[in-house]
Amino acid sequence: MYIAGVIYLHGVPPMACPDPSRGVYLTYFVQGLILLSAASSITAGRYFLALLAGITFLIALVPAAMLKNTPLCLPWEVNFLVAVTLYLHIMGHVGDYYVTLAPYYDKLTHFIASVTVALLSISLAALAEHRGLVRLTRPALAVFVLTAALSAGVVWEIYEFAADQILGTDLQYGNADTMVDLIVDLIGATLVAAVVAFAPASTERLQFTMKLDEIAPELGKSSISGGSAEQAESR
């Protein structure tokens, strides 16, 4: 069974992750850009956008915070994509790119967002399996990834529709725009699902998937409750 993320066992306590790759600084940089967009909005007197940018920054911190006390460490690439997705979205409003670069900017954000959600869903499935809640085959995991990403896309479109109807915003531009958004979501999710289902074993080195059985064949739920790395190796 393939799971997402990296489970660190050798010489590292199971409730902690080792020092991150240098790539993590790219994530910090993008998160800083989100804060910068909040500051620029305040300077321009666009206080609602500044508040939205601040909330966006906090959301960018959620994935790493949620996994802080688990043995599952998200690859920095996933955290980076989360930050990029949120940054592109907030800049679409702060920089008016959703209007000036329409419709291409919107489609780009949908594609990146769908890939990001798909990768996050793999990590959630990995954590659920590691806790003994589920055990998914490659095809089942691919279906789960595809379903999760498409569901997120549908929820987003419902949000835009509701905002337009209730708040009088102009987030959707008709049925064709909505359907193209969903098709772009489908393309991004399908690419990730295809990698999960059909990629050769060598792609495990990308740190998005690993064979849990090859790392610790007898590792089970007990590793979550506090067994040490040395105990895991000695079994």
C-alpha atoms as a PDB file:
ATOM      1  CA  MET A   1       0.000   0.000   0.000  1.00  0.00           C
ATOM      2  CA  TYR A   2       1.280   3.426  -0.897  1.00  0.00           C
ATOM      3  CA  ILE A   3       0.857   6.375   1.406  1.00  0.00           C
ATOM      4  CA  ALA A   4       1.629  10.065   1.173  1.00  0.00           C
ATOM      5  CA  GLY A   5       4.217  12.002   3.044  1.00  0.00           C
ATOM      6  CA  VAL A   6       7.321  10.741   4.732  1.00  0.00           C
ATOM      7  CA  ILE A   7       7.244   8.602   7.880  1.00  0.00           C
ATOM      8  CA  TYR A   8      10.497   9.200   9.738  1.00  0.00           C
ATOM      9  CA  LEU A   9      11.537   6.263  11.937  1.00  0.00           C
ATOM     10  CA  HIS A  10      15.297   5.888  12.005  1.00  0.00           C
ATOM     11  CA  GLY A  11      16.833   7.855  14.860  1.00  0.00           C
ATOM     12  CA  VAL A  12      13.956  10.345  15.042  1.00  0.00           C
ATOM     13  CA  PRO A  13      11.137  10.292  17.640  1.00  0.00           C
ATOM     14  CA  PRO A  14       7.873   9.287  15.952  1.00  0.00           C
ATOM     15  CA  MET A  15       6.133  12.460  17.118  1.00  0.00           C
ATOM     16  CA  ALA A  16       8.683  14.787  15.503  1.00  0.00           C
ATOM     17  CA  CYS A  17       9.942  15.546  12.011  1.00  0.00           C
ATOM     18  CA  PRO A  18      13.584  16.112  11.106  1.00  0.00           C
ATOM     19  CA  ASP A  19      14.942  19.418   9.932  1.00  0.00           C
ATOM     20  CA  PRO A  20      13.084  20.422   6.761  1.00  0.00           C
ATOM     21  CA  SER A  21      14.589  20.661   3.314  1.00  0.00           C
ATOM     22  CA  ARG A  22      15.834  24.027   2.127  1.00  0.00           C
ATOM     23  CA  GLY A  23      12.821  24.042  -0.144  1.00  0.00           C
ATOM     24  CA  VAL A  24      10.672  24.923   2.851  1.00  0.00           C
ATOM     25  CA  TYR A  25      11.989  28.476   2.584  1.00  0.00           C
ATOM     26  CA  LEU A  26      10.097  28.819  -0.685  1.00  0.00           C
ATOM     27  CA  THR A  27       6.943  28.173   1.311  1.00  0.00           C
ATOM     28  CA  TYR A  28       7.934  30.808   3.857  1.00  0.00           C
ATOM     29  CA  PHE A  29       8.611  33.239   1.021  1.00  0.00           C
ATOM     30  CA  VAL A  30       5.150  32.772  -0.498  1.00  0.00           C
ATOM     31  CA  GLN A  31       3.529  33.061   2.920  1.00  0.00           C
ATOM     32  CA  GLY A  32       5.426  36.321   3.341  1.00  0.00           C
ATOM     33  CA  LEU A  33       4.009  37.528   0.029  1.00  0.00           C
ATOM     34  CA  ILE A  34       0.514  36.875   1.369  1.00  0.00           C
ATOM     35  CA  LEU A  35       1.277  39.088   4.371  1.00  0.00           C
ATOM     36  CA  LEU A  36       2.693  41.692   1.994  1.00  0.00           C
ATOM     37  CA  SER A  37      -0.584  41.687   0.066  1.00  0.00           C
ATOM     38  CA  ALA A  38      -2.392  42.367   3.345  1.00  0.00           C
ATOM     39  CA  ALA A  39      -0.066  45.290   4.074  1.00  0.00           C
ATOM     40  CA  SER A  40      -0.514  46.746   0.589  1.00  0.00           C
ATOM     41  CA  SER A  41      -4.292  46.477   0.958  1.00  0.00           C
ATOM     42  CA  ILE A  42      -4.157  48.413   4.228  1.00  0.00           C
ATOM     43  CA  THR A  43      -2.014  51.084   2.568  1.00  0.00           C
ATOM     44  CA  ALA A  44      -4.544  51.364  -0.252  1.00  0.00           C
ATOM     45  CA  GLY A  45      -7.425  51.626   2.210  1.00  0.00           C
ATOM     46  CA  ARG A  46      -8.916  48.298   1.102  1.00  0.00           C
ATOM     47  CA  TYR A  47      -9.459  47.010   4.608  1.00  0.00           C
ATOM     48  CA  PHE A  48     -11.766  44.145   3.720  1.00  0.00           C
ATOM     49  CA  LEU A  49      -9.151  42.740   1.352  1.00  0.00           C
ATOM     50  CA  ALA A  50      -6.525  43.217   4.060  1.00  0.00           C
ATOM     51  CA  LEU A  51      -8.665  41.158   6.430  1.00  0.00           C
ATOM     52  CA  LEU A  52      -9.162  38.517   3.739  1.00  0.00           C
ATOM     53  CA  ALA A  53      -5.411  38.369   3.121  1.00  0.00           C
ATOM     54  CA  GLY A  54      -4.769  37.973   6.844  1.00  0.00           C
ATOM     55  CA  ILE A  55      -7.210  35.078   7.048  1.00  0.00           C
ATOM     56  CA  THR A  56      -5.599  33.567   3.956  1.00  0.00           C
ATOM     57  CA  PHE A  57      -2.196  33.694   5.657  1.00  0.00           C
ATOM     58  CA  LEU A  58      -3.559  31.839   8.692  1.00  0.00           C
ATOM     59  CA  ILE A  59      -5.122  29.200   6.445  1.00  0.00           C
ATOM     60  CA  ALA A  60      -1.729  28.696   4.779  1.00  0.00           C
ATOM     61  CA  LEU A  61      -0.360  27.616   8.162  1.00  0.00           C
ATOM     62  CA  VAL A  62      -3.091  25.039   8.815  1.00  0.00           C
ATOM     63  CA  PRO A  63      -1.697  21.918   7.011  1.00  0.00           C
ATOM     64  CA  ALA A  64       1.606  21.922   8.873  1.00  0.00           C
ATOM     65  CA  ALA A  65      -0.126  22.762  12.169  1.00  0.00           C
ATOM     66  CA  MET A  66      -2.620  19.910  11.831  1.00  0.00           C
ATOM     67  CA  LEU A  67       0.145  17.337  11.402  1.00  0.00           C
ATOM     68  CA  LYS A  68       2.437  18.773  14.061  1.00  0.00           C
ATOM     69  CA  ASN A  69       1.745  16.023  16.599  1.00  0.00           C
ATOM     70  CA  THR A  70       1.550  13.118  14.170  1.00  0.00           C
ATOM     71  CA  PRO A  71       4.261  10.916  12.619  1.00  0.00           C
ATOM     72  CA  LEU A  72       3.214  12.077   9.156  1.00  0.00           C
ATOM     73  CA  CYS A  73       5.297  14.941   7.802  1.00  0.00           C
ATOM     74  CA  LEU A  74       3.995  16.699   4.740  1.00  0.00           C
ATOM     75  CA  PRO A  75       6.634  17.111   2.033  1.00  0.00           C
ATOM     76  CA  TRP A  76       7.578  20.752   1.691  1.00  0.00           C
ATOM     77  CA  GLU A  77       6.298  20.655  -1.882  1.00  0.00           C
ATOM     78  CA  VAL A  78       2.749  20.138  -0.619  1.00  0.00           C
ATOM     79  CA  ASN A  79       2.953  23.015   1.856  1.00  0.00           C
ATOM     80  CA  PHE A  80       4.441  25.109  -0.923  1.00  0.00           C
ATOM     81  CA  LEU A  81       1.542  24.345  -3.261  1.00  0.00           C
ATOM     82  CA  VAL A  82      -0.952  25.210  -0.524  1.00  0.00           C
ATOM     83  CA  ALA A  83       0.728  28.584  -0.055  1.00  0.00           C
ATOM     84  CA  VAL A  84       0.904  29.220  -3.814  1.00  0.00           C
ATOM     85  CA  THR A  85      -2.767  28.331  -4.269  1.00  0.00           C
ATOM     86  CA  LEU A  86      -3.830  30.729  -1.531  1.00  0.00           C
ATOM     87  CA  TYR A  87      -1.488  33.462  -2.759  1.00  0.00           C
ATOM     88  CA  LEU A  88      -2.790  33.257  -6.310  1.00  0.00           C
ATOM     89  CA  HIS A  89      -6.344  33.471  -5.030  1.00  0.00           C
ATOM     90  CA  ILE A  90      -5.796  36.485  -2.784  1.00  0.00           C
ATOM     91  CA  MET A  91      -3.778  38.290  -5.459  1.00  0.00           C
ATOM     92  CA  GLY A  92      -6.602  37.680  -7.889  1.00  0.00           C
ATOM     93  CA  HIS A  93      -8.591  40.091  -5.715  1.00  0.00           C
ATOM     94  CA  VAL A  94      -5.864  42.390  -4.407  1.00  0.00           C
ATOM     95  CA  GLY A  95      -4.274  42.831  -7.833  1.00  0.00           C
ATOM     96  CA  ASP A  96      -7.582  42.537  -9.718  1.00  0.00           C
ATOM     97  CA  TYR A  97      -6.028  39.763 -11.805  1.00  0.00           C
ATOM     98  CA  TYR A  98      -9.310  37.893 -11.942  1.00  0.00           C
ATOM     99  CA  VAL A  99     -10.542  40.809 -14.059  1.00  0.00           C
ATOM    100  CA  THR A 100      -7.491  42.065 -15.937  1.00  0.00           C
ATOM    101  CA  LEU A 101      -6.207  38.580 -16.785  1.00  0.00           C
ATOM    102  CA  ALA A 102      -9.598  36.926 -17.257  1.00  0.00           C
ATOM    103  CA  PRO A 103     -10.292  34.141 -17.927  1.00  0.00           C
ATOM    104  CA  TYR A 104      -6.773  32.681 -17.899  1.00  0.00           C
ATOM    105  CA  TYR A 105      -5.792  33.666 -14.368  1.00  0.00           C
ATOM    106  CA  ASP A 106      -8.889  32.042 -12.918  1.00  0.00           C
ATOM    107  CA  LYS A 107      -8.252  28.795 -14.799  1.00  0.00           C
ATOM    108  CA  LEU A 108      -4.642  28.734 -13.604  1.00  0.00           C
ATOM    109  CA  THR A 109      -5.749  29.045  -9.979  1.00  0.00           C
ATOM    110  CA  HIS A 110      -8.300  26.270 -10.460  1.00  0.00           C
ATOM    111  CA  PHE A 111      -5.700  23.923 -11.934  1.00  0.00           C
ATOM    112  CA  ILE A 112      -3.138  24.506  -9.193  1.00  0.00           C
ATOM    113  CA  ALA A 113      -5.819  24.301  -6.513  1.00  0.00           C
ATOM    114  CA  SER A 114      -7.094  20.954  -7.804  1.00  0.00           C
ATOM    115  CA  VAL A 115      -3.566  19.491  -7.815  1.00  0.00           C
ATOM    116  CA  THR A 116      -3.014  20.800  -4.296  1.00  0.00           C
ATOM    117  CA  VAL A 117      -6.277  19.365  -2.958  1.00  0.00           C
ATOM    118  CA  ALA A 118      -5.482  16.043  -4.611  1.00  0.00           C
ATOM    119  CA  LEU A 119      -2.081  15.864  -2.902  1.00  0.00           C
ATOM    120  CA  LEU A 120      -3.585  16.846   0.440  1.00  0.00           C
ATOM    121  CA  SER A 121      -6.202  14.115   0.083  1.00  0.00           C
ATOM    122  CA  ILE A 122      -3.408  11.569  -0.379  1.00  0.00           C
ATOM    123  CA  SER A 123      -1.874  12.729   2.889  1.00  0.00           C
ATOM    124  CA  LEU A 124      -5.221  12.450   4.691  1.00  0.00           C
ATOM    125  CA  ALA A 125      -5.676   8.928   3.351  1.00  0.00           C
ATOM    126  CA  ALA A 126      -2.150   8.110   4.494  1.00  0.00           C
ATOM    127  CA  LEU A 127      -2.822   9.328   8.006  1.00  0.00           C
ATOM    128  CA  ALA A 128      -6.105   7.399   8.163  1.00  0.00           C
ATOM    129  CA  GLU A 129      -4.350   4.206   7.056  1.00  0.00           C
ATOM    130  CA  HIS A 130      -1.495   4.730   9.477  1.00  0.00           C
ATOM    131  CA  ARG A 131      -4.052   4.880  12.293  1.00  0.00           C
ATOM    132  CA  GLY A 132      -5.600   1.657  11.066  1.00  0.00           C
ATOM    133  CA  LEU A 133      -8.854   3.264   9.923  1.00  0.00           C
ATOM    134  CA  VAL A 134      -8.658   2.284   6.253  1.00  0.00           C
ATOM    135  CA  ARG A 135      -6.453   0.386   3.833  1.00  0.00           C
ATOM    136  CA  LEU A 136      -6.646   1.504   0.221  1.00  0.00           C
ATOM    137  CA  THR A 137      -5.246  -0.144  -2.876  1.00  0.00           C
ATOM    138  CA  ARG A 138      -3.666   2.054  -5.521  1.00  0.00           C
ATOM    139  CA  PRO A 139      -6.826   2.173  -7.684  1.00  0.00           C
ATOM    140  CA  ALA A 140      -9.001   2.934  -4.633  1.00  0.00           C
ATOM    141  CA  LEU A 141      -6.645   5.720  -3.570  1.00  0.00           C
ATOM    142  CA  ALA A 142      -6.731   7.175  -7.082  1.00  0.00           C
ATOM    143  CA  VAL A 143     -10.545   7.227  -7.004  1.00  0.00           C
ATOM    144  CA  PHE A 144     -10.470   8.870  -3.573  1.00  0.00           C
ATOM    145  CA  VAL A 145      -8.038  11.529  -4.800  1.00  0.00           C
ATOM    146  CA  LEU A 146     -10.164  12.255  -7.853  1.00  0.00           C
ATOM    147  CA  THR A 147     -13.376  12.412  -5.832  1.00  0.00           C
ATOM    148  CA  ALA A 148     -11.900  14.678  -3.155  1.00  0.00           C
ATOM    149  CA  ALA A 149     -10.488  17.177  -5.632  1.00  0.00           C
ATOM    150  CA  LEU A 150     -13.683  17.318  -7.701  1.00  0.00           C
ATOM    151  CA  SER A 151     -15.801  17.673  -4.575  1.00  0.00           C
ATOM    152  CA  ALA A 152     -13.679  20.612  -3.464  1.00  0.00           C
ATOM    153  CA  GLY A 153     -14.153  22.193  -6.890  1.00  0.00           C
ATOM    154  CA  VAL A 154     -17.923  21.781  -6.692  1.00  0.00           C
ATOM    155  CA  VAL A 155     -18.039  23.255  -3.185  1.00  0.00           C
ATOM    156  CA  TRP A 156     -16.033  26.233  -4.432  1.00  0.00           C
ATOM    157  CA  GLU A 157     -18.444  26.834  -7.304  1.00  0.00           C
ATOM    158  CA  ILE A 158     -21.391  26.638  -4.898  1.00  0.00           C
ATOM    159  CA  TYR A 159     -19.654  29.205  -2.705  1.00  0.00           C
ATOM    160  CA  GLU A 160     -19.200  31.553  -5.664  1.00  0.00           C
ATOM    161  CA  PHE A 161     -22.843  31.121  -6.684  1.00  0.00           C
ATOM    162  CA  ALA A 162     -24.065  31.777  -3.132  1.00  0.00           C
ATOM    163  CA  ALA A 163     -21.849  34.855  -2.799  1.00  0.00           C
ATOM    164  CA  ASP A 164     -23.160  36.266  -6.062  1.00  0.00           C
ATOM    165  CA  GLN A 165     -26.759  35.681  -5.047  1.00  0.00           C
ATOM    166  CA  ILE A 166     -26.544  36.845  -1.432  1.00  0.00           C
ATOM    167  CA  LEU A 167     -23.770  39.454  -1.427  1.00  0.00           C
ATOM    168  CA  GLY A 168     -24.155  40.727  -4.976  1.00  0.00           C
ATOM    169  CA  THR A 169     -20.582  39.875  -5.967  1.00  0.00           C
ATOM    170  CA  ASP A 170     -19.540  38.989  -9.510  1.00  0.00           C
ATOM    171  CA  LEU A 171     -17.544  35.794  -9.084  1.00  0.00           C
ATOM    172  CA  GLN A 172     -19.217  33.685 -11.766  1.00  0.00           C
ATOM    173  CA  TYR A 173     -19.639  34.609 -15.406  1.00  0.00           C
ATOM    174  CA  GLY A 174     -22.325  32.196 -16.500  1.00  0.00           C
ATOM    175  CA  ASN A 175     -22.739  28.489 -17.000  1.00  0.00           C
ATOM    176  CA  ALA A 176     -19.869  28.151 -19.480  1.00  0.00           C
ATOM    177  CA  ASP A 177     -17.397  29.725 -17.043  1.00  0.00           C
ATOM    178  CA  THR A 178     -18.516  27.408 -14.234  1.00  0.00           C
ATOM    179  CA  MET A 179     -18.276  24.308 -16.391  1.00  0.00           C
ATOM    180  CA  VAL A 180     -14.794  25.202 -17.676  1.00  0.00           C
ATOM    181  CA  ASP A 181     -13.679  25.723 -14.081  1.00  0.00           C
ATOM    182  CA  LEU A 182     -14.883  22.233 -13.190  1.00  0.00           C
ATOM    183  CA  ILE A 183     -13.233  20.742 -16.274  1.00  0.00           C
ATOM    184  CA  VAL A 184      -9.917  22.347 -15.288  1.00  0.00           C
ATOM    185  CA  ASP A 185     -10.393  20.921 -11.778  1.00  0.00           C
ATOM    186  CA  LEU A 186     -10.953  17.521 -13.348  1.00  0.00           C
ATOM    187  CA  ILE A 187      -7.760  17.777 -15.407  1.00  0.00           C
ATOM    188  CA  GLY A 188      -5.606  18.626 -12.401  1.00  0.00           C
ATOM    189  CA  ALA A 189      -7.148  15.917 -10.226  1.00  0.00           C
ATOM    190  CA  THR A 190      -6.859  13.333 -13.000  1.00  0.00           C
ATOM    191  CA  LEU A 191      -3.140  13.988 -13.432  1.00  0.00           C
ATOM    192  CA  VAL A 192      -2.481  13.323  -9.749  1.00  0.00           C
ATOM    193  CA  ALA A 193      -4.797  10.295  -9.694  1.00  0.00           C
ATOM    194  CA  ALA A 194      -3.022   8.868 -12.738  1.00  0.00           C
ATOM    195  CA  VAL A 195       0.356   9.196 -11.019  1.00  0.00           C
ATOM    196  CA  VAL A 196      -1.040   7.441  -7.949  1.00  0.00           C
ATOM    197  CA  ALA A 197      -2.532   4.606  -9.990  1.00  0.00           C
ATOM    198  CA  PHE A 198       0.024   4.022 -12.726  1.00  0.00           C
ATOM    199  CA  ALA A 199       3.368   5.618 -11.875  1.00  0.00           C
ATOM    200  CA  PRO A 200       6.333   3.210 -11.615  1.00  0.00           C
ATOM    201  CA  ALA A 201       7.780   2.406  -8.220  1.00  0.00           C
ATOM    202  CA  SER A 202      10.698   4.786  -8.789  1.00  0.00           C
ATOM    203  CA  THR A 203       8.357   7.734  -8.225  1.00  0.00           C
ATOM    204  CA  GLU A 204       8.312   6.855  -4.531  1.00  0.00           C
ATOM    205  CA  ARG A 205      11.470   8.955  -4.290  1.00  0.00           C
ATOM    206  CA  LEU A 206       9.365  12.068  -4.895  1.00  0.00           C
ATOM    207  CA  GLN A 207       8.383  11.828  -1.196  1.00  0.00           C
ATOM    208  CA  PHE A 208       4.711  11.953  -2.053  1.00  0.00           C
ATOM    209  CA  THR A 209       4.385   8.158  -1.825  1.00  0.00           C
ATOM    210  CA  MET A 210       6.214   5.487   0.066  1.00  0.00           C
ATOM    211  CA  LYS A 211       5.683   1.809   0.796  1.00  0.00           C
ATOM    212  CA  LEU A 212       4.878   1.665   4.479  1.00  0.00           C
ATOM    213  CA  ASP A 213       5.509  -2.073   4.590  1.00  0.00           C
ATOM    214  CA  GLU A 214       9.080  -1.579   3.358  1.00  0.00           C
ATOM    215  CA  ILE A 215       9.794   1.025   6.039  1.00  0.00           C
ATOM    216  CA  ALA A 216       8.348  -0.792   9.045  1.00  0.00           C
ATOM    217  CA  PRO A 217       6.479  -4.011   8.243  1.00  0.00           C
ATOM    218  CA  GLU A 218       5.224  -4.448  11.784  1.00  0.00           C
ATOM    219  CA  LEU A 219       4.484  -0.804  12.488  1.00  0.00           C
ATOM    220  CA  GLY A 220       0.878  -0.374  13.544  1.00  0.00           C
ATOM    221  CA  LYS A 221      -1.290   1.807  15.633  1.00  0.00           C
ATOM    222  CA  SER A 222       1.113   1.552  18.570  1.00  0.00           C
ATOM    223  CA  SER A 223       3.603   3.824  16.818  1.00  0.00           C
ATOM    224  CA  ILE A 224       1.100   6.629  17.067  1.00  0.00           C
ATOM    225  CA  SER A 225       0.764   6.219  20.837  1.00  0.00           C
ATOM    226  CA  GLY A 226       4.392   6.693  21.662  1.00  0.00           C
ATOM    227  CA  GLY A 227       6.758   3.852  20.654  1.00  0.00           C
ATOM    228  CA  SER A 228      10.263   5.109  20.033  1.00  0.00           C
ATOM    229  CA  ALA A 229      12.150   4.913  16.760  1.00  0.00           C
ATOM    230  CA  GLU A 230      14.572   2.456  18.298  1.00  0.00           C
ATOM    231  CA  GLN A 231      11.726   0.177  19.360  1.00  0.00           C
ATOM    232  CA  ALA A 232      10.316   0.283  15.854  1.00  0.00           C
ATOM    233  CA  GLU A 233      13.688  -0.745  14.420  1.00  0.00           C
ATOM    234  CA  SER A 234      14.219  -3.541  16.929  1.00  0.00           C
ATOM    235  CA  ARG A 235      10.962  -5.347  16.222  1.00  0.00           C
END
